[in-house]
Amino acid sequence: MDLVLGNIVEVTTDAIVTPAYSDLGSAPGIRQAVFEAADTERLVEVCQRWGSCGIGQAVVTPSYVYYPCGRSGLVQW
């Protein structure tokens, strides 16, 4: 495991994990930055399709951003 200091939406990685309220919507802070870096409308749509996420569960969503490094999605925890 590596610890990286930087902007979470600019880090080269395969996935990022962010905290989420049970409704999976955007909120100030890290989650807002992720939604703004993605195609916000598409990310909101897929989160709404999931509906909710219980405590201790995870939901995998596409990133909706082109990353040449191969990033394919984000995990909201």
N, C-alpha and C. Protein backbone atom coordinates (compact mmCIF):
# COMPACT_ATOMS: atom_id res chain seq x y z
N MET A 1 0.84 -1.17 0.00
CA MET A 1 0.00 0.00 0.00
C MET A 1 0.89 1.23 0.00
N ASP A 2 0.48 2.22 -0.78
CA ASP A 2 1.21 3.48 -0.84
C ASP A 2 0.33 4.61 -0.32
N LEU A 3 0.93 5.53 0.38
CA LEU A 3 0.25 6.74 0.83
C LEU A 3 0.65 7.86 -0.11
N VAL A 4 -0.34 8.52 -0.72
CA VAL A 4 -0.07 9.56 -1.70
C VAL A 4 -0.67 10.87 -1.22
N LEU A 5 0.11 11.93 -1.26
CA LEU A 5 -0.37 13.26 -0.91
C LEU A 5 -0.67 14.00 -2.20
N GLY A 6 -1.90 14.50 -2.34
CA GLY A 6 -2.25 15.23 -3.55
C GLY A 6 -3.75 15.35 -3.71
N ASN A 7 -4.15 15.76 -4.88
CA ASN A 7 -5.56 15.94 -5.21
C ASN A 7 -6.15 14.58 -5.59
N ILE A 8 -7.16 14.12 -4.88
CA ILE A 8 -7.70 12.77 -5.09
C ILE A 8 -8.21 12.54 -6.50
N VAL A 9 -8.65 13.58 -7.18
CA VAL A 9 -9.16 13.40 -8.54
C VAL A 9 -8.06 13.50 -9.60
N GLU A 10 -6.82 13.73 -9.18
CA GLU A 10 -5.71 13.81 -10.13
C GLU A 10 -4.68 12.71 -9.92
N VAL A 11 -4.89 11.84 -8.95
CA VAL A 11 -3.95 10.78 -8.65
C VAL A 11 -4.11 9.64 -9.66
N THR A 12 -2.99 9.08 -10.12
CA THR A 12 -3.02 7.95 -11.03
C THR A 12 -3.27 6.68 -10.22
N THR A 13 -4.43 6.09 -10.42
CA THR A 13 -4.81 4.90 -9.66
C THR A 13 -5.90 4.15 -10.40
N ASP A 14 -6.20 2.95 -9.97
CA ASP A 14 -7.27 2.17 -10.59
C ASP A 14 -8.63 2.48 -9.98
N ALA A 15 -8.65 2.96 -8.75
CA ALA A 15 -9.92 3.27 -8.08
C ALA A 15 -9.66 4.23 -6.93
N ILE A 16 -10.69 4.96 -6.56
CA ILE A 16 -10.63 5.79 -5.36
C ILE A 16 -11.82 5.43 -4.49
N VAL A 17 -11.64 5.59 -3.20
CA VAL A 17 -12.70 5.28 -2.24
C VAL A 17 -13.05 6.57 -1.53
N THR A 18 -14.33 6.90 -1.52
CA THR A 18 -14.77 8.12 -0.86
C THR A 18 -15.89 7.79 0.13
N PRO A 19 -16.02 8.59 1.18
CA PRO A 19 -17.14 8.40 2.10
C PRO A 19 -18.43 8.87 1.43
N ALA A 20 -19.53 8.30 1.82
CA ALA A 20 -20.81 8.69 1.22
C ALA A 20 -21.91 8.61 2.27
N TYR A 21 -22.87 9.50 2.14
CA TYR A 21 -24.09 9.35 2.91
C TYR A 21 -24.88 8.21 2.28
N SER A 22 -25.87 7.71 2.95
CA SER A 22 -26.61 6.58 2.41
C SER A 22 -27.28 6.88 1.08
N ASP A 23 -27.52 8.17 0.76
CA ASP A 23 -28.18 8.51 -0.51
C ASP A 23 -27.21 8.58 -1.68
N LEU A 24 -25.91 8.46 -1.45
CA LEU A 24 -24.87 8.45 -2.48
C LEU A 24 -24.75 9.75 -3.26
N GLY A 25 -25.36 10.82 -2.80
CA GLY A 25 -25.30 12.09 -3.51
C GLY A 25 -24.03 12.87 -3.24
N SER A 26 -23.85 13.95 -3.96
CA SER A 26 -22.71 14.82 -3.77
C SER A 26 -22.86 15.58 -2.45
N ALA A 27 -21.73 15.94 -1.87
CA ALA A 27 -21.72 16.72 -0.63
C ALA A 27 -20.42 17.51 -0.61
N PRO A 28 -20.36 18.58 0.16
CA PRO A 28 -19.12 19.37 0.21
C PRO A 28 -17.91 18.53 0.59
N GLY A 29 -16.77 18.89 0.04
CA GLY A 29 -15.53 18.19 0.36
C GLY A 29 -15.08 17.25 -0.74
N ILE A 30 -14.54 16.11 -0.35
CA ILE A 30 -13.99 15.14 -1.30
C ILE A 30 -15.05 14.66 -2.28
N ARG A 31 -16.22 14.35 -1.81
CA ARG A 31 -17.28 13.84 -2.69
C ARG A 31 -17.67 14.88 -3.73
N GLN A 32 -17.73 16.13 -3.35
CA GLN A 32 -18.05 17.19 -4.32
C GLN A 32 -16.96 17.27 -5.39
N ALA A 33 -15.70 17.16 -4.99
CA ALA A 33 -14.60 17.20 -5.95
C ALA A 33 -14.70 16.04 -6.94
N VAL A 34 -15.07 14.86 -6.46
CA VAL A 34 -15.22 13.69 -7.33
C VAL A 34 -16.36 13.91 -8.31
N PHE A 35 -17.49 14.40 -7.83
CA PHE A 35 -18.63 14.64 -8.72
C PHE A 35 -18.30 15.70 -9.76
N GLU A 36 -17.54 16.74 -9.37
CA GLU A 36 -17.18 17.80 -10.31
C GLU A 36 -16.17 17.32 -11.35
N ALA A 37 -15.30 16.39 -10.99
CA ALA A 37 -14.30 15.87 -11.92
C ALA A 37 -14.93 14.90 -12.91
N ALA A 38 -16.02 14.28 -12.52
CA ALA A 38 -16.72 13.32 -13.39
C ALA A 38 -17.74 14.03 -14.26
N ASP A 39 -18.36 13.28 -15.13
CA ASP A 39 -19.54 13.76 -15.84
C ASP A 39 -20.66 13.74 -14.80
N THR A 40 -20.88 14.86 -14.15
CA THR A 40 -21.75 14.94 -12.97
C THR A 40 -23.13 14.36 -13.22
N GLU A 41 -23.74 14.69 -14.33
CA GLU A 41 -25.10 14.19 -14.60
C GLU A 41 -25.14 12.67 -14.66
N ARG A 42 -24.17 12.07 -15.32
CA ARG A 42 -24.15 10.61 -15.43
C ARG A 42 -23.86 9.95 -14.09
N LEU A 43 -22.96 10.55 -13.30
CA LEU A 43 -22.65 9.99 -11.99
C LEU A 43 -23.85 10.10 -11.06
N VAL A 44 -24.55 11.23 -11.09
CA VAL A 44 -25.77 11.39 -10.28
C VAL A 44 -26.79 10.33 -10.69
N GLU A 45 -26.94 10.13 -12.00
CA GLU A 45 -27.92 9.16 -12.50
C GLU A 45 -27.63 7.75 -11.99
N VAL A 46 -26.37 7.32 -12.06
CA VAL A 46 -26.05 5.96 -11.62
C VAL A 46 -26.19 5.84 -10.10
N CYS A 47 -25.87 6.88 -9.36
CA CYS A 47 -26.05 6.85 -7.90
C CYS A 47 -27.54 6.76 -7.55
N GLN A 48 -28.37 7.47 -8.30
CA GLN A 48 -29.80 7.40 -8.06
C GLN A 48 -30.34 6.01 -8.38
N ARG A 49 -29.79 5.36 -9.42
CA ARG A 49 -30.21 3.99 -9.74
C ARG A 49 -29.87 3.03 -8.61
N TRP A 50 -28.71 3.22 -7.96
CA TRP A 50 -28.35 2.38 -6.82
C TRP A 50 -29.30 2.65 -5.66
N GLY A 51 -29.76 3.88 -5.53
CA GLY A 51 -30.70 4.22 -4.47
C GLY A 51 -30.02 4.59 -3.18
N SER A 52 -29.49 3.61 -2.48
CA SER A 52 -28.84 3.89 -1.20
C SER A 52 -27.74 2.87 -0.94
N CYS A 53 -26.97 3.16 0.08
CA CYS A 53 -25.86 2.29 0.46
C CYS A 53 -25.83 2.24 1.98
N GLY A 54 -25.97 1.06 2.52
CA GLY A 54 -26.00 0.91 3.97
C GLY A 54 -24.65 1.11 4.62
N ILE A 55 -24.65 1.35 5.91
CA ILE A 55 -23.41 1.52 6.68
C ILE A 55 -22.58 0.25 6.55
N GLY A 56 -21.30 0.44 6.22
CA GLY A 56 -20.39 -0.68 6.08
C GLY A 56 -20.45 -1.36 4.72
N GLN A 57 -21.28 -0.86 3.82
CA GLN A 57 -21.38 -1.42 2.48
C GLN A 57 -20.67 -0.51 1.49
N ALA A 58 -20.45 -1.01 0.30
CA ALA A 58 -19.79 -0.23 -0.75
C ALA A 58 -20.57 -0.35 -2.05
N VAL A 59 -20.49 0.68 -2.87
CA VAL A 59 -21.11 0.71 -4.19
C VAL A 59 -20.03 1.08 -5.19
N VAL A 60 -19.93 0.35 -6.27
CA VAL A 60 -18.94 0.64 -7.31
C VAL A 60 -19.66 1.34 -8.45
N THR A 61 -19.14 2.50 -8.84
CA THR A 61 -19.72 3.26 -9.95
C THR A 61 -18.63 3.57 -10.97
N PRO A 62 -19.00 3.74 -12.24
CA PRO A 62 -18.02 4.19 -13.23
C PRO A 62 -17.53 5.60 -12.88
N SER A 63 -16.34 5.93 -13.33
CA SER A 63 -15.81 7.26 -13.04
C SER A 63 -16.39 8.33 -13.96
N TYR A 64 -16.78 7.93 -15.17
CA TYR A 64 -17.27 8.86 -16.19
C TYR A 64 -16.26 9.95 -16.52
N VAL A 65 -14.99 9.58 -16.41
CA VAL A 65 -13.89 10.47 -16.78
C VAL A 65 -12.90 9.63 -17.56
N TYR A 66 -12.32 10.19 -18.64
CA TYR A 66 -11.30 9.46 -19.39
C TYR A 66 -9.97 9.59 -18.66
N TYR A 67 -9.39 8.47 -18.30
CA TYR A 67 -8.09 8.45 -17.66
C TYR A 67 -7.16 7.56 -18.47
N PRO A 68 -6.11 8.10 -19.04
CA PRO A 68 -5.18 7.28 -19.82
C PRO A 68 -4.48 6.23 -18.98
N CYS A 69 -4.48 6.38 -17.66
CA CYS A 69 -3.80 5.42 -16.79
C CYS A 69 -4.64 4.19 -16.52
N GLY A 70 -5.88 4.17 -16.98
CA GLY A 70 -6.70 2.97 -16.83
C GLY A 70 -7.69 3.01 -15.67
N ARG A 71 -7.83 4.13 -15.00
CA ARG A 71 -8.82 4.20 -13.92
C ARG A 71 -10.19 3.89 -14.50
N SER A 72 -10.95 3.09 -13.83
CA SER A 72 -12.23 2.69 -14.39
C SER A 72 -13.42 3.04 -13.51
N GLY A 73 -13.23 3.46 -12.30
CA GLY A 73 -14.39 3.76 -11.48
C GLY A 73 -14.01 4.24 -10.11
N LEU A 74 -15.01 4.51 -9.33
CA LEU A 74 -14.77 4.92 -7.96
C LEU A 74 -15.64 4.07 -7.05
N VAL A 75 -15.17 3.87 -5.87
CA VAL A 75 -15.92 3.12 -4.88
C VAL A 75 -16.35 4.08 -3.81
N GLN A 76 -17.65 4.16 -3.57
CA GLN A 76 -18.15 4.99 -2.50
C GLN A 76 -18.42 4.09 -1.30
N TRP A 77 -17.86 4.44 -0.19
CA TRP A 77 -17.96 3.60 1.00
C TRP A 77 -18.90 4.22 1.99
